[in-house]
Amino acid sequence: MARICSIRGTRVRSGGKIHRSGLAKKKGGIGRHVTKVVKRTISPNLQTKRIWVPELNVFVKLKLSCRALKTINKNGAFVTLKKAGIV
């Protein structure tokens, strides 16, 4: 199963990590220098959850990001799942 949130569609993104060497000027060095830029992946905080939907009287198993879980807590399970097209 892919690392994608069922509700928000959040997926793994790619980005760059800047490697720096040297000591900062305010710590007595000559400054920090960029030595290279390395590709990295940024993964969403995904959780596998069983969500109870009282309107349908059934559990739904989903892979959610934590932000989607907050959305379910705020708006309710049925409304959020219906808007996402899952129910």
PDB file of N, CA and C in Angstrom:
ATOM      1  N   MET A   1       0.844  -1.179   0.000  1.00  0.00           N
ATOM      2  CA  MET A   1       0.000   0.000   0.000  1.00  0.00           C
ATOM      3  C   MET A   1       0.890   1.244   0.000  1.00  0.00           C
ATOM      4  N   ALA A   2       0.518   2.213  -0.781  1.00  0.00           N
ATOM      5  CA  ALA A   2       1.331   3.415  -0.919  1.00  0.00           C
ATOM      6  C   ALA A   2       1.266   4.278   0.338  1.00  0.00           C
ATOM      7  N   ARG A   3       2.268   5.117   0.509  1.00  0.00           N
ATOM      8  CA  ARG A   3       2.301   6.022   1.667  1.00  0.00           C
ATOM      9  C   ARG A   3       1.549   7.303   1.307  1.00  0.00           C
ATOM     10  N   ILE A   4       0.225   7.175   1.199  1.00  0.00           N
ATOM     11  CA  ILE A   4      -0.645   8.293   0.833  1.00  0.00           C
ATOM     12  C   ILE A   4      -1.815   8.321   1.810  1.00  0.00           C
ATOM     13  N   CYS A   5      -2.160   9.516   2.287  1.00  0.00           N
ATOM     14  CA  CYS A   5      -3.315   9.679   3.176  1.00  0.00           C
ATOM     15  C   CYS A   5      -4.596   9.484   2.378  1.00  0.00           C
ATOM     16  N   SER A   6      -5.541   8.729   2.939  1.00  0.00           N
ATOM     17  CA  SER A   6      -6.799   8.435   2.247  1.00  0.00           C
ATOM     18  C   SER A   6      -7.685   9.660   2.095  1.00  0.00           C
ATOM     19  N   ILE A   7      -7.602  10.598   3.035  1.00  0.00           N
ATOM     20  CA  ILE A   7      -8.502  11.750   3.037  1.00  0.00           C
ATOM     21  C   ILE A   7      -7.881  12.958   2.354  1.00  0.00           C
ATOM     22  N   ARG A   8      -6.695  13.353   2.761  1.00  0.00           N
ATOM     23  CA  ARG A   8      -6.083  14.581   2.243  1.00  0.00           C
ATOM     24  C   ARG A   8      -5.241  14.350   0.995  1.00  0.00           C
ATOM     25  N   GLY A   9      -4.829  13.104   0.743  1.00  0.00           N
ATOM     26  CA  GLY A   9      -3.974  12.838  -0.406  1.00  0.00           C
ATOM     27  C   GLY A   9      -2.522  13.216  -0.172  1.00  0.00           C
ATOM     28  N   THR A  10      -2.151  13.433   1.082  1.00  0.00           N
ATOM     29  CA  THR A  10      -0.774  13.782   1.412  1.00  0.00           C
ATOM     30  C   THR A  10       0.127  12.602   1.066  1.00  0.00           C
ATOM     31  N   ARG A  11       1.235  12.880   0.376  1.00  0.00           N
ATOM     32  CA  ARG A  11       2.138  11.812  -0.034  1.00  0.00           C
ATOM     33  C   ARG A  11       3.580  12.196   0.267  1.00  0.00           C
ATOM     34  N   VAL A  12       4.503  11.275   0.005  1.00  0.00           N
ATOM     35  CA  VAL A  12       5.919  11.519   0.241  1.00  0.00           C
ATOM     36  C   VAL A  12       6.400  12.585  -0.733  1.00  0.00           C
ATOM     37  N   ARG A  13       7.112  13.588  -0.197  1.00  0.00           N
ATOM     38  CA  ARG A  13       7.666  14.660  -1.026  1.00  0.00           C
ATOM     39  C   ARG A  13       9.181  14.552  -1.018  1.00  0.00           C
ATOM     40  N   SER A  14       9.804  15.159  -2.011  1.00  0.00           N
ATOM     41  CA  SER A  14      11.264  15.184  -2.030  1.00  0.00           C
ATOM     42  C   SER A  14      11.735  16.607  -1.805  1.00  0.00           C
ATOM     43  N   GLY A  15      12.904  16.718  -1.229  1.00  0.00           N
ATOM     44  CA  GLY A  15      13.450  18.032  -0.943  1.00  0.00           C
ATOM     45  C   GLY A  15      14.952  17.945  -0.852  1.00  0.00           C
ATOM     46  N   GLY A  16      15.567  18.971  -0.311  1.00  0.00           N
ATOM     47  CA  GLY A  16      17.007  19.007  -0.211  1.00  0.00           C
ATOM     48  C   GLY A  16      17.462  19.306   1.196  1.00  0.00           C
ATOM     49  N   LYS A  17      18.556  18.684   1.602  1.00  0.00           N
ATOM     50  CA  LYS A  17      19.186  18.943   2.898  1.00  0.00           C
ATOM     51  C   LYS A  17      20.522  19.596   2.607  1.00  0.00           C
ATOM     52  N   ILE A  18      20.752  20.748   3.192  1.00  0.00           N
ATOM     53  CA  ILE A  18      21.983  21.488   2.955  1.00  0.00           C
ATOM     54  C   ILE A  18      23.009  21.088   4.013  1.00  0.00           C
ATOM     55  N   HIS A  19      24.161  20.565   3.559  1.00  0.00           N
ATOM     56  CA  HIS A  19      25.250  20.229   4.461  1.00  0.00           C
ATOM     57  C   HIS A  19      26.159  21.448   4.596  1.00  0.00           C
ATOM     58  N   ARG A  20      26.427  21.822   5.836  1.00  0.00           N
ATOM     59  CA  ARG A  20      27.298  22.962   6.087  1.00  0.00           C
ATOM     60  C   ARG A  20      28.454  22.524   6.974  1.00  0.00           C
ATOM     61  N   SER A  21      29.615  23.119   6.752  1.00  0.00           N
ATOM     62  CA  SER A  21      30.766  22.834   7.605  1.00  0.00           C
ATOM     63  C   SER A  21      31.299  24.145   8.167  1.00  0.00           C
ATOM     64  N   GLY A  22      32.109  24.064   9.176  1.00  0.00           N
ATOM     65  CA  GLY A  22      32.706  25.247   9.771  1.00  0.00           C
ATOM     66  C   GLY A  22      32.009  25.673  11.048  1.00  0.00           C
ATOM     67  N   LEU A  23      32.593  26.649  11.706  1.00  0.00           N
ATOM     68  CA  LEU A  23      32.072  27.170  12.963  1.00  0.00           C
ATOM     69  C   LEU A  23      31.445  28.541  12.712  1.00  0.00           C
ATOM     70  N   ALA A  24      30.319  28.801  13.345  1.00  0.00           N
ATOM     71  CA  ALA A  24      29.620  30.069  13.161  1.00  0.00           C
ATOM     72  C   ALA A  24      30.488  31.240  13.610  1.00  0.00           C
ATOM     73  N   LYS A  25      30.278  32.406  12.970  1.00  0.00           N
ATOM     74  CA  LYS A  25      31.089  33.597  13.286  1.00  0.00           C
ATOM     75  C   LYS A  25      30.926  34.025  14.736  1.00  0.00           C
ATOM     76  N   LYS A  26      29.687  33.946  15.249  1.00  0.00           N
ATOM     77  CA  LYS A  26      29.485  34.402  16.625  1.00  0.00           C
ATOM     78  C   LYS A  26      30.062  33.428  17.659  1.00  0.00           C
ATOM     79  N   LYS A  27      30.482  32.256  17.195  1.00  0.00           N
ATOM     80  CA  LYS A  27      31.151  31.314  18.091  1.00  0.00           C
ATOM     81  C   LYS A  27      32.664  31.335  17.896  1.00  0.00           C
ATOM     82  N   GLY A  28      33.131  32.317  17.116  1.00  0.00           N
ATOM     83  CA  GLY A  28      34.569  32.475  16.961  1.00  0.00           C
ATOM     84  C   GLY A  28      35.147  31.876  15.696  1.00  0.00           C
ATOM     85  N   GLY A  29      34.296  31.354  14.816  1.00  0.00           N
ATOM     86  CA  GLY A  29      34.786  30.751  13.575  1.00  0.00           C
ATOM     87  C   GLY A  29      34.796  31.753  12.433  1.00  0.00           C
ATOM     88  N   ILE A  30      35.025  31.235  11.226  1.00  0.00           N
ATOM     89  CA  ILE A  30      35.049  32.109  10.052  1.00  0.00           C
ATOM     90  C   ILE A  30      33.743  32.049   9.275  1.00  0.00           C
ATOM     91  N   GLY A  31      32.751  31.340   9.817  1.00  0.00           N
ATOM     92  CA  GLY A  31      31.444  31.261   9.171  1.00  0.00           C
ATOM     93  C   GLY A  31      31.164  29.868   8.646  1.00  0.00           C
ATOM     94  N   ARG A  32      29.896  29.602   8.418  1.00  0.00           N
ATOM     95  CA  ARG A  32      29.469  28.291   7.934  1.00  0.00           C
ATOM     96  C   ARG A  32      29.476  28.303   6.415  1.00  0.00           C
ATOM     97  N   HIS A  33      29.945  27.204   5.809  1.00  0.00           N
ATOM     98  CA  HIS A  33      30.025  27.120   4.354  1.00  0.00           C
ATOM     99  C   HIS A  33      29.209  25.934   3.860  1.00  0.00           C
ATOM    100  N   VAL A  34      28.495  26.132   2.753  1.00  0.00           N
ATOM    101  CA  VAL A  34      27.723  25.050   2.145  1.00  0.00           C
ATOM    102  C   VAL A  34      28.704  24.148   1.416  1.00  0.00           C
ATOM    103  N   THR A  35      28.701  22.833   1.784  1.00  0.00           N
ATOM    104  CA  THR A  35      29.603  21.893   1.125  1.00  0.00           C
ATOM    105  C   THR A  35      28.887  21.081   0.060  1.00  0.00           C
ATOM    106  N   LYS A  36      27.612  20.729   0.306  1.00  0.00           N
ATOM    107  CA  LYS A  36      26.838  20.018  -0.713  1.00  0.00           C
ATOM    108  C   LYS A  36      25.365  20.059  -0.342  1.00  0.00           C
ATOM    109  N   VAL A  37      24.529  19.743  -1.325  1.00  0.00           N
ATOM    110  CA  VAL A  37      23.089  19.645  -1.127  1.00  0.00           C
ATOM    111  C   VAL A  37      22.689  18.212  -1.450  1.00  0.00           C
ATOM    112  N   VAL A  38      22.038  17.545  -0.495  1.00  0.00           N
ATOM    113  CA  VAL A  38      21.686  16.139  -0.629  1.00  0.00           C
ATOM    114  C   VAL A  38      20.181  16.010  -0.772  1.00  0.00           C
ATOM    115  N   LYS A  39      19.713  15.160  -1.697  1.00  0.00           N
ATOM    116  CA  LYS A  39      18.283  14.896  -1.847  1.00  0.00           C
ATOM    117  C   LYS A  39      17.800  14.076  -0.659  1.00  0.00           C
ATOM    118  N   ARG A  40      16.590  14.373  -0.187  1.00  0.00           N
ATOM    119  CA  ARG A  40      15.981  13.592   0.878  1.00  0.00           C
ATOM    120  C   ARG A  40      14.485  13.516   0.648  1.00  0.00           C
ATOM    121  N   THR A  41      13.817  12.595   1.329  1.00  0.00           N
ATOM    122  CA  THR A  41      12.364  12.470   1.230  1.00  0.00           C
ATOM    123  C   THR A  41      11.735  12.897   2.545  1.00  0.00           C
ATOM    124  N   ILE A  42      10.605  13.580   2.445  1.00  0.00           N
ATOM    125  CA  ILE A  42       9.847  14.016   3.608  1.00  0.00           C
ATOM    126  C   ILE A  42       8.563  13.204   3.618  1.00  0.00           C
ATOM    127  N   SER A  43       8.400  12.355   4.632  1.00  0.00           N
ATOM    128  CA  SER A  43       7.249  11.461   4.699  1.00  0.00           C
ATOM    129  C   SER A  43       6.160  12.069   5.576  1.00  0.00           C
ATOM    130  N   PRO A  44       4.890  11.891   5.206  1.00  0.00           N
ATOM    131  CA  PRO A  44       3.809  12.343   6.078  1.00  0.00           C
ATOM    132  C   PRO A  44       3.691  11.429   7.296  1.00  0.00           C
ATOM    133  N   ASN A  45       3.110  11.951   8.347  1.00  0.00           N
ATOM    134  CA  ASN A  45       2.915  11.181   9.575  1.00  0.00           C
ATOM    135  C   ASN A  45       1.649  10.345   9.424  1.00  0.00           C
ATOM    136  N   LEU A  46       1.790   9.144   8.859  1.00  0.00           N
ATOM    137  CA  LEU A  46       0.640   8.288   8.558  1.00  0.00           C
ATOM    138  C   LEU A  46       0.381   7.298   9.678  1.00  0.00           C
ATOM    139  N   GLN A  47      -0.901   7.106   9.986  1.00  0.00           N
ATOM    140  CA  GLN A  47      -1.353   6.155  10.988  1.00  0.00           C
ATOM    141  C   GLN A  47      -2.447   5.302  10.359  1.00  0.00           C
ATOM    142  N   THR A  48      -2.469   4.022  10.660  1.00  0.00           N
ATOM    143  CA  THR A  48      -3.554   3.153  10.223  1.00  0.00           C
ATOM    144  C   THR A  48      -4.582   3.116  11.355  1.00  0.00           C
ATOM    145  N   LYS A  49      -5.815   3.537  11.064  1.00  0.00           N
ATOM    146  CA  LYS A  49      -6.839   3.665  12.100  1.00  0.00           C
ATOM    147  C   LYS A  49      -8.135   2.992  11.662  1.00  0.00           C
ATOM    148  N   ARG A  50      -8.857   2.483  12.646  1.00  0.00           N
ATOM    149  CA  ARG A  50     -10.230   2.022  12.430  1.00  0.00           C
ATOM    150  C   ARG A  50     -11.143   3.123  12.936  1.00  0.00           C
ATOM    151  N   ILE A  51     -11.895   3.723  12.041  1.00  0.00           N
ATOM    152  CA  ILE A  51     -12.773   4.845  12.383  1.00  0.00           C
ATOM    153  C   ILE A  51     -14.206   4.330  12.453  1.00  0.00           C
ATOM    154  N   TRP A  52     -14.872   4.613  13.568  1.00  0.00           N
ATOM    155  CA  TRP A  52     -16.278   4.236  13.728  1.00  0.00           C
ATOM    156  C   TRP A  52     -17.156   5.303  13.088  1.00  0.00           C
ATOM    157  N   VAL A  53     -18.030   4.881  12.172  1.00  0.00           N
ATOM    158  CA  VAL A  53     -18.972   5.788  11.514  1.00  0.00           C
ATOM    159  C   VAL A  53     -20.359   5.458  12.045  1.00  0.00           C
ATOM    160  N   PRO A  54     -20.882   6.264  12.991  1.00  0.00           N
ATOM    161  CA  PRO A  54     -22.164   5.914  13.614  1.00  0.00           C
ATOM    162  C   PRO A  54     -23.347   5.969  12.646  1.00  0.00           C
ATOM    163  N   GLU A  55     -23.294   6.825  11.629  1.00  0.00           N
ATOM    164  CA  GLU A  55     -24.403   6.917  10.669  1.00  0.00           C
ATOM    165  C   GLU A  55     -24.568   5.630   9.866  1.00  0.00           C
ATOM    166  N   LEU A  56     -23.448   4.952   9.591  1.00  0.00           N
ATOM    167  CA  LEU A  56     -23.494   3.698   8.838  1.00  0.00           C
ATOM    168  C   LEU A  56     -23.426   2.474   9.747  1.00  0.00           C
ATOM    169  N   ASN A  57     -23.136   2.705  11.037  1.00  0.00           N
ATOM    170  CA  ASN A  57     -23.025   1.642  12.030  1.00  0.00           C
ATOM    171  C   ASN A  57     -21.946   0.618  11.641  1.00  0.00           C
ATOM    172  N   VAL A  58     -20.775   1.140  11.231  1.00  0.00           N
ATOM    173  CA  VAL A  58     -19.711   0.269  10.737  1.00  0.00           C
ATOM    174  C   VAL A  58     -18.352   0.913  11.018  1.00  0.00           C
ATOM    175  N   PHE A  59     -17.301   0.079  11.140  1.00  0.00           N
ATOM    176  CA  PHE A  59     -15.931   0.556  11.229  1.00  0.00           C
ATOM    177  C   PHE A  59     -15.351   0.664   9.830  1.00  0.00           C
ATOM    178  N   VAL A  60     -14.517   1.675   9.590  1.00  0.00           N
ATOM    179  CA  VAL A  60     -13.816   1.836   8.314  1.00  0.00           C
ATOM    180  C   VAL A  60     -12.330   1.910   8.636  1.00  0.00           C
ATOM    181  N   LYS A  61     -11.525   1.062   7.981  1.00  0.00           N
ATOM    182  CA  LYS A  61     -10.081   1.056   8.218  1.00  0.00           C
ATOM    183  C   LYS A  61      -9.415   1.951   7.183  1.00  0.00           C
ATOM    184  N   LEU A  62      -8.649   2.936   7.659  1.00  0.00           N
ATOM    185  CA  LEU A  62      -8.042   3.931   6.786  1.00  0.00           C
ATOM    186  C   LEU A  62      -6.589   4.164   7.154  1.00  0.00           C
ATOM    187  N   LYS A  63      -5.817   4.623   6.178  1.00  0.00           N
ATOM    188  CA  LYS A  63      -4.453   5.099   6.428  1.00  0.00           C
ATOM    189  C   LYS A  63      -4.519   6.613   6.377  1.00  0.00           C
ATOM    190  N   LEU A  64      -4.328   7.260   7.533  1.00  0.00           N
ATOM    191  CA  LEU A  64      -4.549   8.695   7.674  1.00  0.00           C
ATOM    192  C   LEU A  64      -3.289   9.412   8.113  1.00  0.00           C
ATOM    193  N   SER A  65      -3.181  10.668   7.687  1.00  0.00           N
ATOM    194  CA  SER A  65      -2.178  11.544   8.287  1.00  0.00           C
ATOM    195  C   SER A  65      -2.782  12.087   9.578  1.00  0.00           C
ATOM    196  N   CYS A  66      -1.933  12.581  10.464  1.00  0.00           N
ATOM    197  CA  CYS A  66      -2.428  13.096  11.746  1.00  0.00           C
ATOM    198  C   CYS A  66      -3.289  14.338  11.539  1.00  0.00           C
ATOM    199  N   ARG A  67      -3.008  15.115  10.504  1.00  0.00           N
ATOM    200  CA  ARG A  67      -3.834  16.285  10.213  1.00  0.00           C
ATOM    201  C   ARG A  67      -5.235  15.849   9.769  1.00  0.00           C
ATOM    202  N   ALA A  68      -5.335  14.769   9.020  1.00  0.00           N
ATOM    203  CA  ALA A  68      -6.645  14.244   8.617  1.00  0.00           C
ATOM    204  C   ALA A  68      -7.420  13.736   9.825  1.00  0.00           C
ATOM    205  N   LEU A  69      -6.702  13.177  10.791  1.00  0.00           N
ATOM    206  CA  LEU A  69      -7.339  12.702  12.012  1.00  0.00           C
ATOM    207  C   LEU A  69      -7.936  13.864  12.800  1.00  0.00           C
ATOM    208  N   LYS A  70      -7.221  15.006  12.807  1.00  0.00           N
ATOM    209  CA  LYS A  70      -7.761  16.203  13.449  1.00  0.00           C
ATOM    210  C   LYS A  70      -8.997  16.711  12.711  1.00  0.00           C
ATOM    211  N   THR A  71      -9.003  16.599  11.389  1.00  0.00           N
ATOM    212  CA  THR A  71     -10.158  17.009  10.595  1.00  0.00           C
ATOM    213  C   THR A  71     -11.365  16.144  10.921  1.00  0.00           C
ATOM    214  N   ILE A  72     -11.144  14.834  11.100  1.00  0.00           N
ATOM    215  CA  ILE A  72     -12.244  13.932  11.465  1.00  0.00           C
ATOM    216  C   ILE A  72     -12.786  14.298  12.841  1.00  0.00           C
ATOM    217  N   ASN A  73     -11.904  14.611  13.775  1.00  0.00           N
ATOM    218  CA  ASN A  73     -12.351  15.006  15.117  1.00  0.00           C
ATOM    219  C   ASN A  73     -13.162  16.297  15.086  1.00  0.00           C
ATOM    220  N   LYS A  74     -12.791  17.204  14.186  1.00  0.00           N
ATOM    221  CA  LYS A  74     -13.463  18.497  14.117  1.00  0.00           C
ATOM    222  C   LYS A  74     -14.816  18.407  13.402  1.00  0.00           C
ATOM    223  N   ASN A  75     -14.839  17.793  12.216  1.00  0.00           N
ATOM    224  CA  ASN A  75     -16.035  17.801  11.366  1.00  0.00           C
ATOM    225  C   ASN A  75     -16.900  16.561  11.486  1.00  0.00           C
ATOM    226  N   GLY A  76     -16.382  15.493  12.079  1.00  0.00           N
ATOM    227  CA  GLY A  76     -17.126  14.248  12.177  1.00  0.00           C
ATOM    228  C   GLY A  76     -16.680  13.274  11.093  1.00  0.00           C
ATOM    229  N   ALA A  77     -16.818  11.985  11.405  1.00  0.00           N
ATOM    230  CA  ALA A  77     -16.325  10.941  10.504  1.00  0.00           C
ATOM    231  C   ALA A  77     -17.121  10.875   9.210  1.00  0.00           C
ATOM    232  N   PHE A  78     -18.438  10.874   9.297  1.00  0.00           N
ATOM    233  CA  PHE A  78     -19.265  10.681   8.099  1.00  0.00           C
ATOM    234  C   PHE A  78     -19.094  11.829   7.114  1.00  0.00           C
ATOM    235  N   VAL A  79     -19.101  13.063   7.612  1.00  0.00           N
ATOM    236  CA  VAL A  79     -18.972  14.241   6.732  1.00  0.00           C
ATOM    237  C   VAL A  79     -17.623  14.246   6.038  1.00  0.00           C
ATOM    238  N   THR A  80     -16.557  13.959   6.787  1.00  0.00           N
ATOM    239  CA  THR A  80     -15.207  13.977   6.225  1.00  0.00           C
ATOM    240  C   THR A  80     -15.018  12.866   5.203  1.00  0.00           C
ATOM    241  N   LEU A  81     -15.485  11.658   5.520  1.00  0.00           N
ATOM    242  CA  LEU A  81     -15.335  10.535   4.592  1.00  0.00           C
ATOM    243  C   LEU A  81     -16.180  10.717   3.346  1.00  0.00           C
ATOM    244  N   LYS A  82     -17.347  11.318   3.493  1.00  0.00           N
ATOM    245  CA  LYS A  82     -18.203  11.574   2.332  1.00  0.00           C
ATOM    246  C   LYS A  82     -17.567  12.604   1.415  1.00  0.00           C
ATOM    247  N   LYS A  83     -16.976  13.659   1.989  1.00  0.00           N
ATOM    248  CA  LYS A  83     -16.321  14.685   1.190  1.00  0.00           C
ATOM    249  C   LYS A  83     -15.107  14.124   0.451  1.00  0.00           C
ATOM    250  N   ALA A  84     -14.406  13.155   1.074  1.00  0.00           N
ATOM    251  CA  ALA A  84     -13.244  12.533   0.456  1.00  0.00           C
ATOM    252  C   ALA A  84     -13.634  11.476  -0.579  1.00  0.00           C
ATOM    253  N   GLY A  85     -14.915  11.078  -0.597  1.00  0.00           N
ATOM    254  CA  GLY A  85     -15.386  10.085  -1.563  1.00  0.00           C
ATOM    255  C   GLY A  85     -15.137   8.651  -1.145  1.00  0.00           C
ATOM    256  N   ILE A  86     -14.916   8.427   0.141  1.00  0.00           N
ATOM    257  CA  ILE A  86     -14.659   7.068   0.633  1.00  0.00           C
ATOM    258  C   ILE A  86     -15.961   6.357   0.955  1.00  0.00           C
ATOM    259  N   VAL A  87     -16.918   7.105   1.488  1.00  0.00           N
ATOM    260  CA  VAL A  87     -18.223   6.508   1.854  1.00  0.00           C
ATOM    261  C   VAL A  87     -19.262   6.957   0.854  1.00  0.00           C
TER     262      VAL A  87
END
